[in-house]
N, C-alpha and C. Protein backbone atom coordinates (compact mmCIF):
# COMPACT_ATOMS: atom_id res chain seq x y z
N MET A 1 16.39 -1.62 -0.93
CA MET A 1 15.32 -2.48 -0.46
C MET A 1 14.30 -2.66 -1.58
N LYS A 2 13.86 -3.86 -1.76
CA LYS A 2 12.84 -4.15 -2.76
C LYS A 2 11.53 -3.50 -2.32
N GLU A 3 10.83 -2.89 -3.26
CA GLU A 3 9.55 -2.25 -2.96
C GLU A 3 8.45 -3.27 -3.25
N PHE A 4 7.81 -3.76 -2.20
CA PHE A 4 6.76 -4.76 -2.35
C PHE A 4 5.44 -4.10 -2.73
N VAL A 5 5.12 -3.02 -2.04
CA VAL A 5 3.91 -2.25 -2.34
C VAL A 5 4.38 -0.87 -2.76
N LYS A 6 3.92 -0.42 -3.92
CA LYS A 6 4.34 0.88 -4.45
C LYS A 6 3.52 1.99 -3.80
N LYS A 7 4.19 3.06 -3.44
CA LYS A 7 3.50 4.22 -2.88
C LYS A 7 2.75 4.96 -3.97
N VAL A 8 1.66 5.59 -3.57
CA VAL A 8 0.82 6.39 -4.46
C VAL A 8 0.62 7.74 -3.80
N ASN A 9 0.69 8.80 -4.58
CA ASN A 9 0.52 10.15 -4.05
C ASN A 9 -0.50 10.92 -4.88
N LEU A 10 -0.99 11.99 -4.31
CA LEU A 10 -1.76 12.92 -5.12
C LEU A 10 -0.82 13.46 -6.18
N ALA A 11 -1.35 13.66 -7.38
CA ALA A 11 -0.52 14.21 -8.44
C ALA A 11 0.02 15.57 -8.01
N GLU A 12 1.26 15.86 -8.40
CA GLU A 12 1.85 17.15 -8.08
C GLU A 12 1.41 18.19 -9.10
N ASN A 13 1.40 19.44 -8.68
CA ASN A 13 1.03 20.55 -9.57
C ASN A 13 -0.26 20.25 -10.32
N ILE A 14 -1.31 20.02 -9.56
CA ILE A 14 -2.58 19.62 -10.15
C ILE A 14 -3.13 20.70 -11.06
N ASP A 15 -3.40 20.32 -12.28
CA ASP A 15 -4.06 21.18 -13.26
C ASP A 15 -5.56 21.04 -13.00
N MET A 16 -6.23 22.13 -12.75
CA MET A 16 -7.65 22.07 -12.40
C MET A 16 -8.50 21.42 -13.48
N SER A 17 -8.01 21.36 -14.71
CA SER A 17 -8.77 20.68 -15.76
C SER A 17 -8.79 19.17 -15.54
N THR A 18 -7.90 18.66 -14.65
CA THR A 18 -7.87 17.23 -14.36
C THR A 18 -8.68 16.88 -13.12
N VAL A 19 -9.24 17.89 -12.46
CA VAL A 19 -10.06 17.69 -11.26
C VAL A 19 -11.52 17.73 -11.67
N THR A 20 -12.25 16.69 -11.32
CA THR A 20 -13.67 16.64 -11.62
C THR A 20 -14.45 17.00 -10.36
N ILE A 21 -15.37 17.95 -10.51
CA ILE A 21 -16.22 18.36 -9.39
C ILE A 21 -17.66 18.29 -9.86
N SER A 22 -18.47 17.55 -9.11
CA SER A 22 -19.88 17.43 -9.47
C SER A 22 -20.73 17.38 -8.20
N LYS A 23 -21.98 17.69 -8.36
CA LYS A 23 -22.92 17.63 -7.24
C LYS A 23 -23.20 16.17 -6.93
N ASP A 24 -23.25 15.82 -5.66
CA ASP A 24 -23.58 14.47 -5.26
C ASP A 24 -25.09 14.27 -5.32
N HIS A 25 -25.55 13.21 -5.96
CA HIS A 25 -26.99 13.04 -6.11
C HIS A 25 -27.63 12.33 -4.91
N TYR A 26 -26.84 11.90 -3.95
CA TYR A 26 -27.39 11.30 -2.74
C TYR A 26 -27.55 12.33 -1.61
N TYR A 27 -26.61 13.25 -1.53
CA TYR A 27 -26.61 14.26 -0.47
C TYR A 27 -26.68 15.64 -1.11
N PRO A 28 -27.78 16.34 -0.96
CA PRO A 28 -28.01 17.60 -1.68
C PRO A 28 -26.95 18.69 -1.44
N LYS A 29 -26.33 18.70 -0.26
CA LYS A 29 -25.34 19.75 0.03
C LYS A 29 -23.90 19.31 -0.26
N ALA A 30 -23.74 18.08 -0.74
CA ALA A 30 -22.39 17.53 -0.93
C ALA A 30 -21.94 17.60 -2.39
N TYR A 31 -20.62 17.59 -2.53
CA TYR A 31 -19.98 17.55 -3.84
C TYR A 31 -19.08 16.32 -3.91
N VAL A 32 -18.88 15.85 -5.12
CA VAL A 32 -17.95 14.77 -5.40
C VAL A 32 -16.75 15.41 -6.09
N ILE A 33 -15.60 15.28 -5.46
CA ILE A 33 -14.37 15.90 -5.98
C ILE A 33 -13.39 14.78 -6.29
N ASP A 34 -13.05 14.62 -7.56
CA ASP A 34 -12.09 13.61 -7.98
C ASP A 34 -10.73 14.26 -8.22
N LEU A 35 -9.76 13.89 -7.39
CA LEU A 35 -8.40 14.42 -7.48
C LEU A 35 -7.49 13.38 -8.13
N PRO A 36 -6.62 13.78 -9.04
CA PRO A 36 -5.75 12.80 -9.71
C PRO A 36 -4.65 12.28 -8.79
N LEU A 37 -4.43 10.97 -8.88
CA LEU A 37 -3.29 10.35 -8.21
C LEU A 37 -2.17 10.18 -9.22
N ASP A 38 -0.94 10.00 -8.75
CA ASP A 38 0.18 9.86 -9.68
C ASP A 38 0.26 8.48 -10.33
N SER A 39 -0.52 7.52 -9.81
CA SER A 39 -0.59 6.19 -10.41
C SER A 39 -1.82 5.47 -9.86
N THR A 40 -2.10 4.32 -10.43
CA THR A 40 -3.23 3.51 -9.95
C THR A 40 -2.71 2.58 -8.86
N PRO A 41 -3.29 2.66 -7.68
CA PRO A 41 -2.79 1.82 -6.57
C PRO A 41 -3.12 0.34 -6.76
N ASP A 42 -2.25 -0.51 -6.22
CA ASP A 42 -2.53 -1.94 -6.25
C ASP A 42 -3.41 -2.30 -5.05
N HIS A 43 -3.82 -3.56 -4.99
CA HIS A 43 -4.76 -3.98 -3.95
C HIS A 43 -4.18 -3.83 -2.55
N ALA A 44 -2.89 -4.04 -2.37
CA ALA A 44 -2.29 -3.91 -1.03
C ALA A 44 -2.33 -2.46 -0.56
N TRP A 45 -2.01 -1.52 -1.45
CA TRP A 45 -2.09 -0.09 -1.09
C TRP A 45 -3.53 0.26 -0.73
N LEU A 46 -4.47 -0.25 -1.52
CA LEU A 46 -5.88 0.04 -1.26
C LEU A 46 -6.32 -0.50 0.11
N ASP A 47 -5.87 -1.70 0.46
CA ASP A 47 -6.20 -2.26 1.78
C ASP A 47 -5.66 -1.39 2.90
N ILE A 48 -4.42 -0.95 2.74
CA ILE A 48 -3.81 -0.10 3.76
C ILE A 48 -4.54 1.23 3.83
N PHE A 49 -4.85 1.80 2.67
CA PHE A 49 -5.60 3.06 2.60
C PHE A 49 -6.94 2.95 3.34
N GLU A 50 -7.68 1.88 3.07
CA GLU A 50 -8.99 1.69 3.72
C GLU A 50 -8.83 1.64 5.23
N SER A 51 -7.79 0.98 5.68
CA SER A 51 -7.54 0.88 7.12
C SER A 51 -7.20 2.25 7.72
N VAL A 52 -6.35 3.00 7.02
CA VAL A 52 -5.93 4.31 7.52
C VAL A 52 -7.11 5.28 7.55
N TRP A 53 -7.83 5.38 6.46
CA TRP A 53 -8.91 6.38 6.44
C TRP A 53 -10.06 5.95 7.33
N GLY A 54 -10.27 4.65 7.47
CA GLY A 54 -11.32 4.18 8.36
C GLY A 54 -11.01 4.43 9.82
N ALA A 55 -9.73 4.57 10.14
CA ALA A 55 -9.33 4.83 11.52
C ALA A 55 -9.46 6.31 11.90
N THR A 56 -9.65 7.15 10.91
CA THR A 56 -9.83 8.57 11.24
C THR A 56 -11.21 8.77 11.82
N ARG A 57 -11.35 9.77 12.60
CA ARG A 57 -12.63 10.01 13.28
C ARG A 57 -13.41 11.13 12.59
N ARG A 58 -13.11 11.36 11.34
CA ARG A 58 -13.75 12.46 10.62
C ARG A 58 -14.65 11.96 9.50
N MET A 59 -15.30 10.85 9.72
CA MET A 59 -16.08 10.26 8.64
C MET A 59 -17.51 10.76 8.58
N TRP A 60 -17.96 11.49 9.55
CA TRP A 60 -19.36 11.90 9.57
C TRP A 60 -19.69 12.94 8.51
N ASP A 61 -18.73 13.77 8.13
CA ASP A 61 -19.03 14.82 7.15
C ASP A 61 -18.24 14.69 5.85
N ARG A 62 -17.63 13.54 5.65
CA ARG A 62 -16.83 13.34 4.44
C ARG A 62 -16.59 11.85 4.20
N LYS A 63 -16.43 11.52 2.97
CA LYS A 63 -16.09 10.14 2.59
C LYS A 63 -14.92 10.23 1.61
N LEU A 64 -14.10 9.20 1.62
CA LEU A 64 -12.92 9.19 0.77
C LEU A 64 -12.81 7.81 0.13
N PHE A 65 -12.66 7.79 -1.19
CA PHE A 65 -12.57 6.55 -1.95
C PHE A 65 -11.45 6.66 -2.97
N VAL A 66 -10.99 5.53 -3.44
CA VAL A 66 -10.08 5.49 -4.58
C VAL A 66 -10.84 4.85 -5.73
N VAL A 67 -10.86 5.54 -6.84
CA VAL A 67 -11.51 5.04 -8.05
C VAL A 67 -10.47 5.11 -9.17
N GLY A 68 -9.90 3.95 -9.49
CA GLY A 68 -8.83 3.93 -10.50
C GLY A 68 -7.64 4.74 -10.03
N ASN A 69 -7.28 5.74 -10.80
CA ASN A 69 -6.15 6.60 -10.43
C ASN A 69 -6.64 7.97 -9.93
N ARG A 70 -7.79 7.95 -9.25
CA ARG A 70 -8.38 9.17 -8.71
C ARG A 70 -8.72 8.98 -7.23
N LEU A 71 -8.54 10.03 -6.46
CA LEU A 71 -8.96 10.06 -5.07
C LEU A 71 -10.27 10.83 -5.02
N ARG A 72 -11.33 10.17 -4.60
CA ARG A 72 -12.66 10.78 -4.60
C ARG A 72 -13.03 11.21 -3.18
N LEU A 73 -13.24 12.51 -3.03
CA LEU A 73 -13.68 13.09 -1.77
C LEU A 73 -15.13 13.52 -1.95
N VAL A 74 -16.00 13.02 -1.09
CA VAL A 74 -17.41 13.40 -1.12
C VAL A 74 -17.66 14.17 0.17
N THR A 75 -18.02 15.46 0.02
CA THR A 75 -18.16 16.31 1.19
C THR A 75 -18.93 17.59 0.84
N THR A 76 -19.25 18.33 1.87
CA THR A 76 -19.83 19.66 1.68
C THR A 76 -18.69 20.65 1.50
N THR A 77 -19.03 21.87 1.14
CA THR A 77 -18.00 22.89 0.93
C THR A 77 -17.53 23.54 2.23
N GLU A 78 -18.21 23.27 3.30
CA GLU A 78 -17.82 23.84 4.59
C GLU A 78 -16.43 23.35 4.98
N ASN A 79 -15.52 24.28 5.27
CA ASN A 79 -14.13 23.96 5.64
C ASN A 79 -13.45 23.06 4.60
N ILE A 80 -13.70 23.33 3.35
CA ILE A 80 -13.18 22.47 2.27
C ILE A 80 -11.66 22.38 2.27
N GLU A 81 -10.97 23.46 2.62
CA GLU A 81 -9.50 23.42 2.65
C GLU A 81 -9.02 22.41 3.68
N ASP A 82 -9.66 22.41 4.86
CA ASP A 82 -9.28 21.44 5.90
C ASP A 82 -9.53 20.01 5.42
N LYS A 83 -10.61 19.81 4.71
CA LYS A 83 -10.93 18.47 4.22
C LYS A 83 -9.95 18.01 3.14
N LEU A 84 -9.51 18.95 2.31
CA LEU A 84 -8.50 18.60 1.31
C LEU A 84 -7.17 18.27 2.00
N ASP A 85 -6.82 19.04 3.03
CA ASP A 85 -5.61 18.73 3.82
C ASP A 85 -5.72 17.35 4.45
N TRP A 86 -6.91 17.06 4.99
CA TRP A 86 -7.15 15.76 5.61
C TRP A 86 -6.97 14.63 4.59
N ALA A 87 -7.52 14.79 3.39
CA ALA A 87 -7.39 13.78 2.35
C ALA A 87 -5.91 13.56 2.00
N LYS A 88 -5.17 14.65 1.89
CA LYS A 88 -3.74 14.55 1.60
C LYS A 88 -3.01 13.82 2.73
N THR A 89 -3.39 14.12 3.96
CA THR A 89 -2.79 13.47 5.12
C THR A 89 -3.08 11.97 5.14
N VAL A 90 -4.30 11.59 4.77
CA VAL A 90 -4.64 10.17 4.71
C VAL A 90 -3.74 9.45 3.71
N VAL A 91 -3.50 10.07 2.56
CA VAL A 91 -2.60 9.46 1.56
C VAL A 91 -1.19 9.37 2.12
N GLN A 92 -0.72 10.42 2.78
CA GLN A 92 0.63 10.40 3.36
C GLN A 92 0.75 9.32 4.44
N GLN A 93 -0.26 9.21 5.29
CA GLN A 93 -0.23 8.18 6.33
C GLN A 93 -0.28 6.78 5.73
N THR A 94 -1.04 6.65 4.65
CA THR A 94 -1.07 5.36 3.95
C THR A 94 0.32 5.00 3.46
N ASN A 95 1.02 5.96 2.86
CA ASN A 95 2.37 5.70 2.35
C ASN A 95 3.35 5.40 3.48
N LYS A 96 3.15 6.02 4.63
CA LYS A 96 4.00 5.71 5.79
C LYS A 96 3.76 4.25 6.20
N SER A 97 2.50 3.84 6.21
CA SER A 97 2.18 2.45 6.54
C SER A 97 2.71 1.50 5.47
N VAL A 98 2.72 1.94 4.21
CA VAL A 98 3.29 1.14 3.13
C VAL A 98 4.78 0.93 3.38
N ASP A 99 5.49 1.99 3.80
CA ASP A 99 6.91 1.85 4.13
C ASP A 99 7.12 0.79 5.21
N GLU A 100 6.30 0.86 6.26
CA GLU A 100 6.40 -0.11 7.35
C GLU A 100 6.11 -1.52 6.84
N TYR A 101 5.10 -1.65 6.02
CA TYR A 101 4.76 -2.96 5.43
C TYR A 101 5.94 -3.48 4.61
N ASN A 102 6.54 -2.62 3.79
CA ASN A 102 7.65 -3.04 2.94
C ASN A 102 8.85 -3.49 3.76
N VAL A 103 9.13 -2.82 4.88
CA VAL A 103 10.23 -3.23 5.76
C VAL A 103 9.95 -4.63 6.32
N GLN A 104 8.70 -4.84 6.78
CA GLN A 104 8.33 -6.15 7.33
C GLN A 104 8.39 -7.23 6.25
N ALA A 105 7.93 -6.90 5.05
CA ALA A 105 7.96 -7.87 3.95
C ALA A 105 9.40 -8.22 3.58
N ALA A 106 10.29 -7.24 3.57
CA ALA A 106 11.70 -7.50 3.27
C ALA A 106 12.31 -8.41 4.33
N SER A 107 11.95 -8.17 5.58
CA SER A 107 12.45 -9.01 6.67
C SER A 107 11.96 -10.45 6.51
N ARG A 108 10.67 -10.61 6.17
CA ARG A 108 10.12 -11.95 5.96
C ARG A 108 10.81 -12.64 4.78
N GLU A 109 11.06 -11.90 3.71
CA GLU A 109 11.72 -12.48 2.54
C GLU A 109 13.15 -12.89 2.87
N ALA A 110 13.86 -12.06 3.64
CA ALA A 110 15.23 -12.39 4.03
C ALA A 110 15.24 -13.64 4.90
N GLN A 111 14.27 -13.75 5.81
CA GLN A 111 14.18 -14.93 6.67
C GLN A 111 13.93 -16.19 5.84
N ARG A 112 13.03 -16.09 4.87
CA ARG A 112 12.76 -17.24 3.99
C ARG A 112 14.02 -17.62 3.22
N GLY A 113 14.78 -16.61 2.79
CA GLY A 113 16.03 -16.87 2.06
C GLY A 113 17.04 -17.60 2.93
N ARG A 114 17.17 -17.16 4.19
CA ARG A 114 18.10 -17.83 5.11
C ARG A 114 17.66 -19.27 5.37
N GLU A 115 16.36 -19.47 5.56
CA GLU A 115 15.84 -20.82 5.81
C GLU A 115 16.07 -21.71 4.60
N SER A 116 15.90 -21.17 3.41
CA SER A 116 16.13 -21.93 2.19
C SER A 116 17.60 -22.33 2.06
N GLU A 117 18.49 -21.39 2.37
CA GLU A 117 19.93 -21.69 2.32
C GLU A 117 20.30 -22.75 3.34
N GLU A 118 19.71 -22.68 4.53
CA GLU A 118 19.99 -23.68 5.57
C GLU A 118 19.52 -25.06 5.12
N ARG A 119 18.33 -25.14 4.52
CA ARG A 119 17.82 -26.43 4.04
C ARG A 119 18.74 -26.99 2.94
N ALA A 120 19.19 -26.13 2.03
CA ALA A 120 20.07 -26.58 0.95
C ALA A 120 21.39 -27.10 1.52
N LEU A 121 21.94 -26.40 2.54
CA LEU A 121 23.19 -26.85 3.16
C LEU A 121 22.99 -28.18 3.88
N GLU A 122 21.87 -28.34 4.57
CA GLU A 122 21.58 -29.60 5.26
C GLU A 122 21.46 -30.75 4.26
N GLU A 123 20.78 -30.50 3.14
CA GLU A 123 20.64 -31.54 2.12
C GLU A 123 22.00 -31.92 1.53
N LYS A 124 22.83 -30.92 1.29
CA LYS A 124 24.16 -31.18 0.73
C LYS A 124 24.99 -32.01 1.71
N GLU A 125 24.94 -31.63 3.00
CA GLU A 125 25.69 -32.37 4.02
C GLU A 125 25.20 -33.81 4.11
N LYS A 126 23.90 -34.02 3.95
CA LYS A 126 23.33 -35.36 3.99
C LYS A 126 23.87 -36.19 2.81
N VAL A 127 23.87 -35.59 1.63
CA VAL A 127 24.37 -36.30 0.44
C VAL A 127 25.85 -36.60 0.59
N VAL A 128 26.62 -35.62 1.09
CA VAL A 128 28.05 -35.84 1.30
C VAL A 128 28.26 -36.98 2.28
N GLY A 129 27.45 -37.03 3.34
CA GLY A 129 27.56 -38.11 4.33
C GLY A 129 27.27 -39.46 3.72
N ILE A 130 26.27 -39.54 2.88
CA ILE A 130 25.93 -40.82 2.22
C ILE A 130 27.07 -41.27 1.33
N ILE A 131 27.59 -40.33 0.53
CA ILE A 131 28.67 -40.68 -0.40
C ILE A 131 29.93 -41.07 0.39
N LYS A 132 30.23 -40.32 1.44
CA LYS A 132 31.41 -40.62 2.26
C LYS A 132 31.26 -42.00 2.89
N GLY A 133 30.07 -42.30 3.42
CA GLY A 133 29.82 -43.61 4.01
C GLY A 133 29.98 -44.74 2.99
N TYR A 134 29.55 -44.48 1.79
CA TYR A 134 29.66 -45.47 0.72
C TYR A 134 31.12 -45.82 0.46
N PHE A 135 31.97 -44.79 0.36
CA PHE A 135 33.37 -45.05 0.06
C PHE A 135 34.14 -45.57 1.26
N GLU A 136 33.68 -45.26 2.48
CA GLU A 136 34.36 -45.77 3.66
C GLU A 136 34.13 -47.26 3.84
N LYS A 137 33.10 -47.80 3.23
CA LYS A 137 32.82 -49.24 3.31
C LYS A 137 33.83 -50.04 2.48
N GLY A 138 34.59 -49.32 1.66
CA GLY A 138 35.60 -50.01 0.88
C GLY A 138 35.07 -50.56 -0.44
N VAL A 139 34.16 -49.89 -1.02
CA VAL A 139 33.59 -50.35 -2.29
C VAL A 139 34.50 -50.05 -3.42
């Protein structure tokens, strides 16, 4: 199957030197944690991601953004492991939705291909009919 939207994951075996952690200057008790992704997501993945994370009901104590090839979690340190699991789950759910999107896109592309083939066959039959009619007139 053609991959219309490429999946993006958190980088595997994260080296802590690639993780940026800084104090958030808007919320005194919060930190900004930038986790590396395995690639930079395209706009379709980002749209799906925004939809998935926005549908979660855990937005009051955490925010999640994509900045280039980084997943940015803004949160307090309270239950940080659960919040990291949640961020990973959001990425996994996004990729599941990407799979569903790709299946639908493949179906739409196949339908367009069938319709194009049908139009080409109809045009050919029309031309054959015109030529056949021409020769049946006895020219």
